[in-house]
């Protein structure tokens, strides 16, 4: 079995404009996802908005430079993630298709085994 990182992208402005009932419906969807795929889940979390992030880059002199915010401005930001265990990429994609993502999309990426 392999592990996959499932990134949840969404439009943060759309989320900010939703009401409490809609947010509760999506959270219920994540709870149902967890119940359905609990055996495959290895972890996951919701993330704070991208404006709370700090980016670190190395400049030409090899010095680390930190800036507030994400690396680039985009319409969609990573809003959360799951780590799932699946037999192969097709199985991981099948699991990821059940994640509620009304304002964006899902990315499934294999986790590299470091052994």
PDB file of N, CA and C in Angstrom:
ATOM      1  N   UNK A   1       0.851  -1.190   0.000  1.00  0.00           N
ATOM      2  CA  UNK A   1       0.000   0.000   0.000  1.00  0.00           C
ATOM      3  C   UNK A   1       0.888   1.241   0.000  1.00  0.00           C
ATOM      4  N   UNK A   2       0.453   2.239  -0.714  1.00  0.00           N
ATOM      5  CA  UNK A   2       1.172   3.505  -0.791  1.00  0.00           C
ATOM      6  C   UNK A   2       0.360   4.591  -0.099  1.00  0.00           C
ATOM      7  N   UNK A   3       1.035   5.680   0.254  1.00  0.00           N
ATOM      8  CA  UNK A   3       0.350   6.828   0.842  1.00  0.00           C
ATOM      9  C   UNK A   3       0.285   7.956  -0.177  1.00  0.00           C
ATOM     10  N   UNK A   4      -0.818   8.712  -0.104  1.00  0.00           N
ATOM     11  CA  UNK A   4      -1.058   9.820  -1.023  1.00  0.00           C
ATOM     12  C   UNK A   4      -1.481  11.041  -0.222  1.00  0.00           C
ATOM     13  N   UNK A   5      -0.969  12.197  -0.630  1.00  0.00           N
ATOM     14  CA  UNK A   5      -1.399  13.461  -0.055  1.00  0.00           C
ATOM     15  C   UNK A   5      -2.511  13.990  -0.939  1.00  0.00           C
ATOM     16  N   UNK A   6      -3.652  14.267  -0.333  1.00  0.00           N
ATOM     17  CA  UNK A   6      -4.798  14.789  -1.063  1.00  0.00           C
ATOM     18  C   UNK A   6      -4.984  16.241  -0.618  1.00  0.00           C
ATOM     19  N   UNK A   7      -4.661  17.168  -1.522  1.00  0.00           N
ATOM     20  CA  UNK A   7      -4.743  18.596  -1.230  1.00  0.00           C
ATOM     21  C   UNK A   7      -6.097  19.133  -1.658  1.00  0.00           C
ATOM     22  N   UNK A   8      -6.711  19.928  -0.800  1.00  0.00           N
ATOM     23  CA  UNK A   8      -8.022  20.502  -1.076  1.00  0.00           C
ATOM     24  C   UNK A   8      -7.844  21.985  -1.373  1.00  0.00           C
ATOM     25  N   UNK A   9      -8.085  22.366  -2.618  1.00  0.00           N
ATOM     26  CA  UNK A   9      -7.971  23.758  -3.037  1.00  0.00           C
ATOM     27  C   UNK A   9      -9.353  24.397  -3.028  1.00  0.00           C
ATOM     28  N   UNK A  10      -9.406  25.674  -2.647  1.00  0.00           N
ATOM     29  CA  UNK A  10     -10.690  26.366  -2.690  1.00  0.00           C
ATOM     30  C   UNK A  10     -10.466  27.861  -2.865  1.00  0.00           C
ATOM     31  N   UNK A  11     -11.525  28.520  -3.282  1.00  0.00           N
ATOM     32  CA  UNK A  11     -11.520  29.966  -3.421  1.00  0.00           C
ATOM     33  C   UNK A  11     -11.883  30.549  -2.058  1.00  0.00           C
ATOM     34  N   UNK A  12     -10.919  31.197  -1.423  1.00  0.00           N
ATOM     35  CA  UNK A  12     -11.142  31.705  -0.063  1.00  0.00           C
ATOM     36  C   UNK A  12     -12.197  32.803  -0.016  1.00  0.00           C
ATOM     37  N   UNK A  13     -12.325  33.602  -1.065  1.00  0.00           N
ATOM     38  CA  UNK A  13     -13.349  34.649  -1.091  1.00  0.00           C
ATOM     39  C   UNK A  13     -14.741  34.032  -1.104  1.00  0.00           C
ATOM     40  N   UNK A  14     -14.900  32.946  -1.829  1.00  0.00           N
ATOM     41  CA  UNK A  14     -16.202  32.276  -1.852  1.00  0.00           C
ATOM     42  C   UNK A  14     -16.557  31.729  -0.481  1.00  0.00           C
ATOM     43  N   UNK A  15     -15.563  31.144   0.211  1.00  0.00           N
ATOM     44  CA  UNK A  15     -15.817  30.639   1.559  1.00  0.00           C
ATOM     45  C   UNK A  15     -16.205  31.769   2.502  1.00  0.00           C
ATOM     46  N   UNK A  16     -15.556  32.913   2.383  1.00  0.00           N
ATOM     47  CA  UNK A  16     -15.847  34.041   3.270  1.00  0.00           C
ATOM     48  C   UNK A  16     -17.274  34.553   3.081  1.00  0.00           C
ATOM     49  N   UNK A  17     -17.832  34.331   1.895  1.00  0.00           N
ATOM     50  CA  UNK A  17     -19.173  34.830   1.599  1.00  0.00           C
ATOM     51  C   UNK A  17     -20.280  33.840   1.968  1.00  0.00           C
ATOM     52  N   UNK A  18     -19.926  32.661   2.451  1.00  0.00           N
ATOM     53  CA  UNK A  18     -20.956  31.665   2.773  1.00  0.00           C
ATOM     54  C   UNK A  18     -21.566  31.930   4.142  1.00  0.00           C
ATOM     55  N   UNK A  19     -22.732  31.358   4.332  1.00  0.00           N
ATOM     56  CA  UNK A  19     -23.370  31.485   5.642  1.00  0.00           C
ATOM     57  C   UNK A  19     -23.039  30.262   6.505  1.00  0.00           C
ATOM     58  N   UNK A  20     -23.439  30.337   7.746  1.00  0.00           N
ATOM     59  CA  UNK A  20     -23.119  29.289   8.715  1.00  0.00           C
ATOM     60  C   UNK A  20     -23.750  27.946   8.334  1.00  0.00           C
ATOM     61  N   UNK A  21     -24.943  27.972   7.764  1.00  0.00           N
ATOM     62  CA  UNK A  21     -25.630  26.731   7.385  1.00  0.00           C
ATOM     63  C   UNK A  21     -24.866  26.012   6.268  1.00  0.00           C
ATOM     64  N   UNK A  22     -24.366  26.763   5.288  1.00  0.00           N
ATOM     65  CA  UNK A  22     -23.612  26.139   4.200  1.00  0.00           C
ATOM     66  C   UNK A  22     -22.314  25.548   4.731  1.00  0.00           C
ATOM     67  N   UNK A  23     -21.613  26.290   5.567  1.00  0.00           N
ATOM     68  CA  UNK A  23     -20.367  25.781   6.155  1.00  0.00           C
ATOM     69  C   UNK A  23     -20.622  24.514   6.958  1.00  0.00           C
ATOM     70  N   UNK A  24     -21.711  24.492   7.708  1.00  0.00           N
ATOM     71  CA  UNK A  24     -22.056  23.301   8.497  1.00  0.00           C
ATOM     72  C   UNK A  24     -22.335  22.115   7.577  1.00  0.00           C
ATOM     73  N   UNK A  25     -22.979  22.353   6.433  1.00  0.00           N
ATOM     74  CA  UNK A  25     -23.263  21.284   5.472  1.00  0.00           C
ATOM     75  C   UNK A  25     -21.959  20.700   4.925  1.00  0.00           C
ATOM     76  N   UNK A  26     -20.994  21.535   4.617  1.00  0.00           N
ATOM     77  CA  UNK A  26     -19.710  21.052   4.098  1.00  0.00           C
ATOM     78  C   UNK A  26     -18.962  20.287   5.186  1.00  0.00           C
ATOM     79  N   UNK A  27     -18.974  20.786   6.413  1.00  0.00           N
ATOM     80  CA  UNK A  27     -18.307  20.070   7.508  1.00  0.00           C
ATOM     81  C   UNK A  27     -18.968  18.708   7.730  1.00  0.00           C
ATOM     82  N   UNK A  28     -20.288  18.641   7.578  1.00  0.00           N
ATOM     83  CA  UNK A  28     -20.988  17.359   7.668  1.00  0.00           C
ATOM     84  C   UNK A  28     -20.502  16.421   6.558  1.00  0.00           C
ATOM     85  N   UNK A  29     -20.263  16.990   5.372  1.00  0.00           N
ATOM     86  CA  UNK A  29     -19.728  16.196   4.272  1.00  0.00           C
ATOM     87  C   UNK A  29     -18.358  15.625   4.588  1.00  0.00           C
ATOM     88  N   UNK A  30     -17.523  16.416   5.257  1.00  0.00           N
ATOM     89  CA  UNK A  30     -16.198  15.916   5.656  1.00  0.00           C
ATOM     90  C   UNK A  30     -16.331  14.831   6.729  1.00  0.00           C
ATOM     91  N   UNK A  31     -17.286  14.983   7.620  1.00  0.00           N
ATOM     92  CA  UNK A  31     -17.514  13.944   8.632  1.00  0.00           C
ATOM     93  C   UNK A  31     -17.942  12.635   7.967  1.00  0.00           C
ATOM     94  N   UNK A  32     -18.835  12.737   6.990  1.00  0.00           N
ATOM     95  CA  UNK A  32     -19.283  11.536   6.266  1.00  0.00           C
ATOM     96  C   UNK A  32     -18.118  10.926   5.482  1.00  0.00           C
ATOM     97  N   UNK A  33     -17.277  11.778   4.899  1.00  0.00           N
ATOM     98  CA  UNK A  33     -16.092  11.290   4.192  1.00  0.00           C
ATOM     99  C   UNK A  33     -15.220  10.494   5.157  1.00  0.00           C
ATOM    100  N   UNK A  34     -14.993  11.034   6.361  1.00  0.00           N
ATOM    101  CA  UNK A  34     -14.186  10.354   7.369  1.00  0.00           C
ATOM    102  C   UNK A  34     -14.775   9.018   7.791  1.00  0.00           C
ATOM    103  N   UNK A  35     -16.090   8.970   7.926  1.00  0.00           N
ATOM    104  CA  UNK A  35     -16.745   7.715   8.287  1.00  0.00           C
ATOM    105  C   UNK A  35     -16.601   6.679   7.176  1.00  0.00           C
ATOM    106  N   UNK A  36     -16.772   7.110   5.939  1.00  0.00           N
ATOM    107  CA  UNK A  36     -16.714   6.192   4.799  1.00  0.00           C
ATOM    108  C   UNK A  36     -15.301   5.682   4.540  1.00  0.00           C
ATOM    109  N   UNK A  37     -14.302   6.552   4.709  1.00  0.00           N
ATOM    110  CA  UNK A  37     -12.930   6.208   4.330  1.00  0.00           C
ATOM    111  C   UNK A  37     -11.967   6.156   5.519  1.00  0.00           C
ATOM    112  N   UNK A  38     -12.508   6.014   6.718  1.00  0.00           N
ATOM    113  CA  UNK A  38     -11.679   6.014   7.925  1.00  0.00           C
ATOM    114  C   UNK A  38     -10.534   5.021   7.893  1.00  0.00           C
ATOM    115  N   UNK A  39     -10.742   3.858   7.305  1.00  0.00           N
ATOM    116  CA  UNK A  39      -9.682   2.841   7.258  1.00  0.00           C
ATOM    117  C   UNK A  39      -8.499   3.279   6.412  1.00  0.00           C
ATOM    118  N   UNK A  40      -8.738   4.166   5.445  1.00  0.00           N
ATOM    119  CA  UNK A  40      -7.662   4.624   4.558  1.00  0.00           C
ATOM    120  C   UNK A  40      -7.003   5.906   5.040  1.00  0.00           C
ATOM    121  N   UNK A  41      -7.634   6.628   5.959  1.00  0.00           N
ATOM    122  CA  UNK A  41      -7.112   7.924   6.392  1.00  0.00           C
ATOM    123  C   UNK A  41      -5.942   7.765   7.350  1.00  0.00           C
ATOM    124  N   UNK A  42      -4.887   8.502   7.100  1.00  0.00           N
ATOM    125  CA  UNK A  42      -3.703   8.499   7.955  1.00  0.00           C
ATOM    126  C   UNK A  42      -3.506   9.848   8.639  1.00  0.00           C
ATOM    127  N   UNK A  43      -4.286  10.830   8.257  1.00  0.00           N
ATOM    128  CA  UNK A  43      -4.199  12.155   8.861  1.00  0.00           C
ATOM    129  C   UNK A  43      -4.893  13.172   7.984  1.00  0.00           C
ATOM    130  N   UNK A  44      -4.957  14.389   8.477  1.00  0.00           N
ATOM    131  CA  UNK A  44      -5.557  15.473   7.721  1.00  0.00           C
ATOM    132  C   UNK A  44      -5.927  16.614   8.628  1.00  0.00           C
ATOM    133  N   UNK A  45      -6.059  17.781   8.038  1.00  0.00           N
ATOM    134  CA  UNK A  45      -6.436  18.968   8.794  1.00  0.00           C
ATOM    135  C   UNK A  45      -6.980  20.032   7.857  1.00  0.00           C
ATOM    136  N   UNK A  46      -7.794  20.917   8.428  1.00  0.00           N
ATOM    137  CA  UNK A  46      -8.176  22.143   7.739  1.00  0.00           C
ATOM    138  C   UNK A  46      -7.075  23.158   8.043  1.00  0.00           C
ATOM    139  N   UNK A  47      -6.844  24.070   7.114  1.00  0.00           N
ATOM    140  CA  UNK A  47      -5.803  25.077   7.294  1.00  0.00           C
ATOM    141  C   UNK A  47      -6.415  26.460   7.464  1.00  0.00           C
ATOM    142  N   UNK A  48      -5.708  27.316   8.170  1.00  0.00           N
ATOM    143  CA  UNK A  48      -6.109  28.722   8.282  1.00  0.00           C
ATOM    144  C   UNK A  48      -5.964  29.367   6.904  1.00  0.00           C
ATOM    145  N   UNK A  49      -6.603  30.513   6.663  1.00  0.00           N
ATOM    146  CA  UNK A  49      -6.511  31.169   5.354  1.00  0.00           C
ATOM    147  C   UNK A  49      -5.066  31.455   4.937  1.00  0.00           C
ATOM    148  N   UNK A  50      -4.855  31.520   3.627  1.00  0.00           N
ATOM    149  CA  UNK A  50      -3.495  31.699   3.101  1.00  0.00           C
ATOM    150  C   UNK A  50      -2.844  32.995   3.574  1.00  0.00           C
ATOM    151  N   UNK A  51      -3.632  34.014   3.927  1.00  0.00           N
ATOM    152  CA  UNK A  51      -3.039  35.266   4.408  1.00  0.00           C
ATOM    153  C   UNK A  51      -2.301  35.074   5.739  1.00  0.00           C
ATOM    154  N   UNK A  52      -2.532  33.962   6.428  1.00  0.00           N
ATOM    155  CA  UNK A  52      -1.842  33.714   7.693  1.00  0.00           C
ATOM    156  C   UNK A  52      -0.511  32.988   7.492  1.00  0.00           C
ATOM    157  N   UNK A  53      -0.221  32.618   6.232  1.00  0.00           N
ATOM    158  CA  UNK A  53       0.995  31.843   5.974  1.00  0.00           C
ATOM    159  C   UNK A  53       2.236  32.719   5.933  1.00  0.00           C
ATOM    160  N   UNK A  54       3.370  32.092   6.084  1.00  0.00           N
ATOM    161  CA  UNK A  54       4.673  32.733   5.921  1.00  0.00           C
ATOM    162  C   UNK A  54       5.456  31.912   4.919  1.00  0.00           C
ATOM    163  N   UNK A  55       6.016  32.583   3.911  1.00  0.00           N
ATOM    164  CA  UNK A  55       6.780  31.902   2.866  1.00  0.00           C
ATOM    165  C   UNK A  55       8.266  32.116   3.091  1.00  0.00           C
ATOM    166  N   UNK A  56       9.037  31.091   2.818  1.00  0.00           N
ATOM    167  CA  UNK A  56      10.489  31.154   2.985  1.00  0.00           C
ATOM    168  C   UNK A  56      11.130  30.788   1.654  1.00  0.00           C
ATOM    169  N   UNK A  57      12.020  31.641   1.190  1.00  0.00           N
ATOM    170  CA  UNK A  57      12.775  31.392  -0.039  1.00  0.00           C
ATOM    171  C   UNK A  57      14.240  31.670   0.246  1.00  0.00           C
ATOM    172  N   UNK A  58      15.085  31.085  -0.565  1.00  0.00           N
ATOM    173  CA  UNK A  58      16.519  31.338  -0.456  1.00  0.00           C
ATOM    174  C   UNK A  58      16.901  32.307  -1.567  1.00  0.00           C
ATOM    175  N   UNK A  59      17.567  33.411  -1.200  1.00  0.00           N
ATOM    176  CA  UNK A  59      17.964  34.392  -2.216  1.00  0.00           C
ATOM    177  C   UNK A  59      19.255  33.957  -2.912  1.00  0.00           C
ATOM    178  N   UNK A  60      19.732  34.772  -3.836  1.00  0.00           N
ATOM    179  CA  UNK A  60      20.914  34.433  -4.641  1.00  0.00           C
ATOM    180  C   UNK A  60      22.165  34.255  -3.789  1.00  0.00           C
ATOM    181  N   UNK A  61      22.198  34.882  -2.617  1.00  0.00           N
ATOM    182  CA  UNK A  61      23.354  34.774  -1.729  1.00  0.00           C
ATOM    183  C   UNK A  61      23.251  33.568  -0.798  1.00  0.00           C
ATOM    184  N   UNK A  62      22.162  32.796  -0.916  1.00  0.00           N
ATOM    185  CA  UNK A  62      21.989  31.632  -0.060  1.00  0.00           C
ATOM    186  C   UNK A  62      21.347  31.939   1.278  1.00  0.00           C
ATOM    187  N   UNK A  63      20.863  33.155   1.454  1.00  0.00           N
ATOM    188  CA  UNK A  63      20.232  33.575   2.707  1.00  0.00           C
ATOM    189  C   UNK A  63      18.725  33.322   2.639  1.00  0.00           C
ATOM    190  N   UNK A  64      18.146  32.822   3.725  1.00  0.00           N
ATOM    191  CA  UNK A  64      16.704  32.612   3.792  1.00  0.00           C
ATOM    192  C   UNK A  64      16.000  33.944   3.978  1.00  0.00           C
ATOM    193  N   UNK A  65      14.980  34.159   3.174  1.00  0.00           N
ATOM    194  CA  UNK A  65      14.181  35.378   3.245  1.00  0.00           C
ATOM    195  C   UNK A  65      12.741  34.968   3.505  1.00  0.00           C
ATOM    196  N   UNK A  66      12.122  35.541   4.533  1.00  0.00           N
ATOM    197  CA  UNK A  66      10.733  35.218   4.853  1.00  0.00           C
ATOM    198  C   UNK A  66       9.831  36.389   4.482  1.00  0.00           C
ATOM    199  N   UNK A  67       8.648  36.066   3.995  1.00  0.00           N
ATOM    200  CA  UNK A  67       7.638  37.072   3.675  1.00  0.00           C
ATOM    201  C   UNK A  67       6.293  36.581   4.173  1.00  0.00           C
ATOM    202  N   UNK A  68       5.428  37.518   4.494  1.00  0.00           N
ATOM    203  CA  UNK A  68       4.077  37.172   4.917  1.00  0.00           C
ATOM    204  C   UNK A  68       3.272  36.759   3.701  1.00  0.00           C
ATOM    205  N   UNK A  69       2.461  35.748   3.871  1.00  0.00           N
ATOM    206  CA  UNK A  69       1.582  35.315   2.797  1.00  0.00           C
ATOM    207  C   UNK A  69       2.145  34.171   1.992  1.00  0.00           C
ATOM    208  N   UNK A  70       1.341  33.688   1.047  1.00  0.00           N
ATOM    209  CA  UNK A  70       1.751  32.547   0.222  1.00  0.00           C
ATOM    210  C   UNK A  70       2.800  32.951  -0.808  1.00  0.00           C
ATOM    211  N   UNK A  71       3.370  31.948  -1.508  1.00  0.00           N
ATOM    212  CA  UNK A  71       4.368  32.205  -2.534  1.00  0.00           C
ATOM    213  C   UNK A  71       3.824  33.069  -3.659  1.00  0.00           C
ATOM    214  N   UNK A  72       2.590  32.840  -4.062  1.00  0.00           N
ATOM    215  CA  UNK A  72       2.011  33.561  -5.184  1.00  0.00           C
ATOM    216  C   UNK A  72       0.537  33.829  -4.930  1.00  0.00           C
ATOM    217  N   UNK A  73       0.044  34.904  -5.533  1.00  0.00           N
ATOM    218  CA  UNK A  73      -1.382  35.171  -5.449  1.00  0.00           C
ATOM    219  C   UNK A  73      -2.096  34.285  -6.450  1.00  0.00           C
ATOM    220  N   UNK A  74      -3.099  33.584  -5.979  1.00  0.00           N
ATOM    221  CA  UNK A  74      -3.882  32.710  -6.846  1.00  0.00           C
ATOM    222  C   UNK A  74      -5.349  32.854  -6.502  1.00  0.00           C
ATOM    223  N   UNK A  75      -6.201  32.349  -7.358  1.00  0.00           N
ATOM    224  CA  UNK A  75      -7.632  32.377  -7.071  1.00  0.00           C
ATOM    225  C   UNK A  75      -8.004  31.289  -6.080  1.00  0.00           C
ATOM    226  N   UNK A  76      -7.204  30.214  -6.057  1.00  0.00           N
ATOM    227  CA  UNK A  76      -7.468  29.116  -5.139  1.00  0.00           C
ATOM    228  C   UNK A  76      -6.248  28.888  -4.255  1.00  0.00           C
ATOM    229  N   UNK A  77      -6.500  28.536  -3.005  1.00  0.00           N
ATOM    230  CA  UNK A  77      -5.427  28.249  -2.051  1.00  0.00           C
ATOM    231  C   UNK A  77      -5.701  26.898  -1.406  1.00  0.00           C
ATOM    232  N   UNK A  78      -4.672  26.302  -0.840  1.00  0.00           N
ATOM    233  CA  UNK A  78      -4.859  25.032  -0.143  1.00  0.00           C
ATOM    234  C   UNK A  78      -5.604  25.309   1.165  1.00  0.00           C
ATOM    235  N   UNK A  79      -6.760  24.696   1.295  1.00  0.00           N
ATOM    236  CA  UNK A  79      -7.576  24.914   2.480  1.00  0.00           C
ATOM    237  C   UNK A  79      -7.512  23.772   3.474  1.00  0.00           C
ATOM    238  N   UNK A  80      -6.950  22.652   3.044  1.00  0.00           N
ATOM    239  CA  UNK A  80      -6.843  21.501   3.923  1.00  0.00           C
ATOM    240  C   UNK A  80      -6.250  20.333   3.171  1.00  0.00           C
ATOM    241  N   UNK A  81      -6.095  19.228   3.871  1.00  0.00           N
ATOM    242  CA  UNK A  81      -5.491  18.053   3.251  1.00  0.00           C
ATOM    243  C   UNK A  81      -5.874  16.802   4.020  1.00  0.00           C
ATOM    244  N   UNK A  82      -5.750  15.682   3.342  1.00  0.00           N
ATOM    245  CA  UNK A  82      -5.836  14.362   3.946  1.00  0.00           C
ATOM    246  C   UNK A  82      -4.617  13.574   3.499  1.00  0.00           C
ATOM    247  N   UNK A  83      -4.170  12.668   4.323  1.00  0.00           N
ATOM    248  CA  UNK A  83      -3.183  11.663   3.932  1.00  0.00           C
ATOM    249  C   UNK A  83      -3.938  10.349   3.913  1.00  0.00           C
ATOM    250  N   UNK A  84      -3.937   9.682   2.752  1.00  0.00           N
ATOM    251  CA  UNK A  84      -4.675   8.428   2.628  1.00  0.00           C
ATOM    252  C   UNK A  84      -3.732   7.311   2.205  1.00  0.00           C
ATOM    253  N   UNK A  85      -4.076   6.113   2.608  1.00  0.00           N
ATOM    254  CA  UNK A  85      -3.352   4.926   2.171  1.00  0.00           C
ATOM    255  C   UNK A  85      -4.250   4.202   1.179  1.00  0.00           C
ATOM    256  N   UNK A  86      -3.680   3.853   0.024  1.00  0.00           N
ATOM    257  CA  UNK A  86      -4.454   3.180  -1.011  1.00  0.00           C
ATOM    258  C   UNK A  86      -3.554   2.234  -1.788  1.00  0.00           C
ATOM    259  N   UNK A  87      -4.175   1.267  -2.442  1.00  0.00           N
ATOM    260  CA  UNK A  87      -3.416   0.269  -3.205  1.00  0.00           C
ATOM    261  C   UNK A  87      -2.667   0.889  -4.369  1.00  0.00           C
ATOM    262  N   UNK A  88      -3.255   1.922  -4.989  1.00  0.00           N
ATOM    263  CA  UNK A  88      -2.618   2.577  -6.125  1.00  0.00           C
ATOM    264  C   UNK A  88      -3.260   3.939  -6.338  1.00  0.00           C
ATOM    265  N   UNK A  89      -2.767   4.663  -7.341  1.00  0.00           N
ATOM    266  CA  UNK A  89      -3.272   6.004  -7.604  1.00  0.00           C
ATOM    267  C   UNK A  89      -4.764   5.992  -7.931  1.00  0.00           C
ATOM    268  N   UNK A  90      -5.212   5.028  -8.705  1.00  0.00           N
ATOM    269  CA  UNK A  90      -6.635   4.965  -9.041  1.00  0.00           C
ATOM    270  C   UNK A  90      -7.500   4.825  -7.795  1.00  0.00           C
ATOM    271  N   UNK A  91      -7.060   4.024  -6.846  1.00  0.00           N
ATOM    272  CA  UNK A  91      -7.805   3.856  -5.596  1.00  0.00           C
ATOM    273  C   UNK A  91      -7.789   5.145  -4.781  1.00  0.00           C
ATOM    274  N   UNK A  92      -6.661   5.852  -4.761  1.00  0.00           N
ATOM    275  CA  UNK A  92      -6.568   7.128  -4.038  1.00  0.00           C
ATOM    276  C   UNK A  92      -7.485   8.171  -4.676  1.00  0.00           C
ATOM    277  N   UNK A  93      -7.535   8.188  -5.997  1.00  0.00           N
ATOM    278  CA  UNK A  93      -8.421   9.124  -6.699  1.00  0.00           C
ATOM    279  C   UNK A  93      -9.881   8.812  -6.385  1.00  0.00           C
ATOM    280  N   UNK A  94     -10.224   7.538  -6.342  1.00  0.00           N
ATOM    281  CA  UNK A  94     -11.599   7.149  -6.015  1.00  0.00           C
ATOM    282  C   UNK A  94     -11.985   7.652  -4.626  1.00  0.00           C
ATOM    283  N   UNK A  95     -11.071   7.574  -3.681  1.00  0.00           N
ATOM    284  CA  UNK A  95     -11.325   8.090  -2.332  1.00  0.00           C
ATOM    285  C   UNK A  95     -11.479   9.608  -2.378  1.00  0.00           C
ATOM    286  N   UNK A  96     -10.557  10.281  -3.068  1.00  0.00           N
ATOM    287  CA  UNK A  96     -10.539  11.744  -3.110  1.00  0.00           C
ATOM    288  C   UNK A  96     -11.794  12.330  -3.748  1.00  0.00           C
ATOM    289  N   UNK A  97     -12.415  11.608  -4.647  1.00  0.00           N
ATOM    290  CA  UNK A  97     -13.631  12.094  -5.306  1.00  0.00           C
ATOM    291  C   UNK A  97     -14.778  12.299  -4.326  1.00  0.00           C
ATOM    292  N   UNK A  98     -14.705  11.705  -3.145  1.00  0.00           N
ATOM    293  CA  UNK A  98     -15.761  11.859  -2.140  1.00  0.00           C
ATOM    294  C   UNK A  98     -15.559  13.083  -1.243  1.00  0.00           C
ATOM    295  N   UNK A  99     -14.470  13.808  -1.406  1.00  0.00           N
ATOM    296  CA  UNK A  99     -14.205  14.984  -0.565  1.00  0.00           C
ATOM    297  C   UNK A  99     -15.033  16.164  -1.063  1.00  0.00           C
ATOM    298  N   UNK A 100     -15.797  16.814  -0.174  1.00  0.00           N
ATOM    299  CA  UNK A 100     -16.540  17.990  -0.609  1.00  0.00           C
ATOM    300  C   UNK A 100     -15.582  19.157  -0.876  1.00  0.00           C
ATOM    301  N   UNK A 101     -15.670  19.726  -2.079  1.00  0.00           N
ATOM    302  CA  UNK A 101     -14.835  20.871  -2.463  1.00  0.00           C
ATOM    303  C   UNK A 101     -15.652  21.783  -3.373  1.00  0.00           C
ATOM    304  N   UNK A 102     -16.644  22.484  -2.806  1.00  0.00           N
ATOM    305  CA  UNK A 102     -17.570  23.251  -3.640  1.00  0.00           C
ATOM    306  C   UNK A 102     -16.960  24.467  -4.338  1.00  0.00           C
ATOM    307  N   UNK A 103     -15.850  24.985  -3.858  1.00  0.00           N
ATOM    308  CA  UNK A 103     -15.274  26.197  -4.438  1.00  0.00           C
ATOM    309  C   UNK A 103     -13.886  25.970  -5.023  1.00  0.00           C
ATOM    310  N   UNK A 104     -13.579  24.761  -5.421  1.00  0.00           N
ATOM    311  CA  UNK A 104     -12.241  24.513  -5.938  1.00  0.00           C
ATOM    312  C   UNK A 104     -12.094  23.098  -6.433  1.00  0.00           C
ATOM    313  N   UNK A 105     -10.970  22.490  -6.107  1.00  0.00           N
ATOM    314  CA  UNK A 105     -10.692  21.152  -6.592  1.00  0.00           C
ATOM    315  C   UNK A 105      -9.784  20.393  -5.657  1.00  0.00           C
ATOM    316  N   UNK A 106      -9.451  19.209  -6.088  1.00  0.00           N
ATOM    317  CA  UNK A 106      -8.653  18.279  -5.289  1.00  0.00           C
ATOM    318  C   UNK A 106      -7.432  17.877  -6.099  1.00  0.00           C
ATOM    319  N   UNK A 107      -6.291  17.782  -5.447  1.00  0.00           N
ATOM    320  CA  UNK A 107      -5.064  17.270  -6.070  1.00  0.00           C
ATOM    321  C   UNK A 107      -4.615  16.055  -5.282  1.00  0.00           C
ATOM    322  N   UNK A 108      -4.302  14.973  -5.978  1.00  0.00           N
ATOM    323  CA  UNK A 108      -3.812  13.751  -5.344  1.00  0.00           C
ATOM    324  C   UNK A 108      -2.362  13.572  -5.765  1.00  0.00           C
ATOM    325  N   UNK A 109      -1.488  13.439  -4.790  1.00  0.00           N
ATOM    326  CA  UNK A 109      -0.066  13.301  -5.093  1.00  0.00           C
ATOM    327  C   UNK A 109       0.545  12.180  -4.254  1.00  0.00           C
ATOM    328  N   UNK A 110       1.268  11.258  -4.892  1.00  0.00           N
ATOM    329  CA  UNK A 110       1.939  10.190  -4.134  1.00  0.00           C
ATOM    330  C   UNK A 110       2.957  10.772  -3.158  1.00  0.00           C
ATOM    331  N   UNK A 111       3.047  10.148  -1.993  1.00  0.00           N
ATOM    332  CA  UNK A 111       4.067  10.517  -1.018  1.00  0.00           C
ATOM    333  C   UNK A 111       5.293   9.664  -1.289  1.00  0.00           C
ATOM    334  N   UNK A 112       6.424  10.299  -1.444  1.00  0.00           N
ATOM    335  CA  UNK A 112       7.663   9.585  -1.745  1.00  0.00           C
ATOM    336  C   UNK A 112       8.160   8.840  -0.514  1.00  0.00           C
ATOM    337  N   UNK A 113       8.419   7.564  -0.669  1.00  0.00           N
ATOM    338  CA  UNK A 113       8.986   6.767   0.417  1.00  0.00           C
ATOM    339  C   UNK A 113      10.466   7.114   0.543  1.00  0.00           C
ATOM    340  N   UNK A 114      10.888   7.512   1.722  1.00  0.00           N
ATOM    341  CA  UNK A 114      12.268   7.925   1.956  1.00  0.00           C
ATOM    342  C   UNK A 114      12.996   6.827   2.734  1.00  0.00           C
ATOM    343  N   UNK A 115      13.342   5.754   2.036  1.00  0.00           N
ATOM    344  CA  UNK A 115      14.027   4.674   2.732  1.00  0.00           C
ATOM    345  C   UNK A 115      15.257   4.232   1.979  1.00  0.00           C
TER     346      UNK A 115
END
